[in-house]
Protein backbone atom coordinates (compact mmCIF):
# COMPACT_ATOMS: atom_id res chain seq x y z
CA MET A 1 -21.91 12.77 -20.52
CA SER A 2 -22.10 16.25 -20.57
CA SER A 3 -22.35 15.89 -16.58
CA VAL A 4 -19.26 13.77 -16.37
CA ARG A 5 -17.45 16.41 -18.58
CA ARG A 6 -18.99 18.85 -16.50
CA PHE A 7 -17.84 17.45 -12.83
CA LEU A 8 -14.45 16.99 -14.50
CA MET A 9 -13.79 21.00 -15.21
CA GLU A 10 -14.66 21.58 -12.00
CA GLU A 11 -12.53 22.25 -9.00
CA ASP A 12 -14.29 19.53 -6.61
CA ALA A 13 -13.45 16.66 -9.51
CA ALA A 14 -9.44 17.78 -9.36
CA THR A 15 -9.82 17.81 -5.22
CA ALA A 16 -11.23 13.95 -5.60
CA VAL A 17 -8.61 12.90 -7.78
CA GLU A 18 -6.07 14.40 -5.94
CA TYR A 19 -7.38 12.44 -2.59
CA ALA A 20 -7.34 9.30 -4.83
CA VAL A 21 -4.16 9.50 -5.49
CA MET A 22 -3.01 9.79 -1.92
CA VAL A 23 -4.88 7.12 -0.25
CA ALA A 24 -3.22 5.21 -3.01
CA MET A 25 -0.31 6.33 -2.44
CA ILE A 26 -0.79 5.98 1.43
CA LEU A 27 -2.36 1.95 0.61
CA LEU A 28 1.10 1.64 -1.52
CA THR A 29 3.56 2.08 1.11
CA CYS A 30 1.53 0.09 3.72
CA ILE A 31 1.44 -2.66 1.72
CA VAL A 32 4.84 -2.50 0.78
CA ALA A 33 5.82 -2.20 4.26
CA ILE A 34 3.95 -4.67 5.45
CA ALA A 35 5.10 -7.12 3.11
CA SER A 36 8.83 -6.28 3.39
CA PHE A 37 7.63 -6.91 7.77
CA GLY A 38 6.46 -10.78 6.74
CA ASN A 39 9.18 -11.48 4.70
CA GLN A 40 11.50 -10.36 7.86
CA THR A 41 9.57 -11.86 9.75
CA ASN A 42 9.54 -14.98 8.43
CA THR A 43 13.59 -15.05 7.98
CA MET A 44 13.62 -14.58 11.57
CA TYR A 45 11.33 -17.55 12.19
CA GLN A 46 13.70 -19.22 9.85
CA ASN A 47 16.64 -18.79 11.53
CA ILE A 48 15.59 -19.63 14.94
CA GLU A 49 13.99 -23.41 13.26
CA THR A 50 17.35 -24.07 12.36
CA GLU A 51 19.73 -23.32 15.03
CA LEU A 52 16.56 -25.08 16.87
CA ASN A 53 17.30 -28.72 14.68
CA ALA A 54 20.95 -27.80 15.13
CA HIS A 55 21.32 -28.64 18.51
């Protein structure tokens, strides 16, 4: 337990935590962008299908 406490008190631990938070934010941004793009693409194809079925 003391080695964990020592690691958390060192400056390297803060840097590791900062990088972990940064990676998490980047991943979250990518997931949101991909989900949004997927929804827009799905809507576009549904509109195309509706137009094709109408004619």
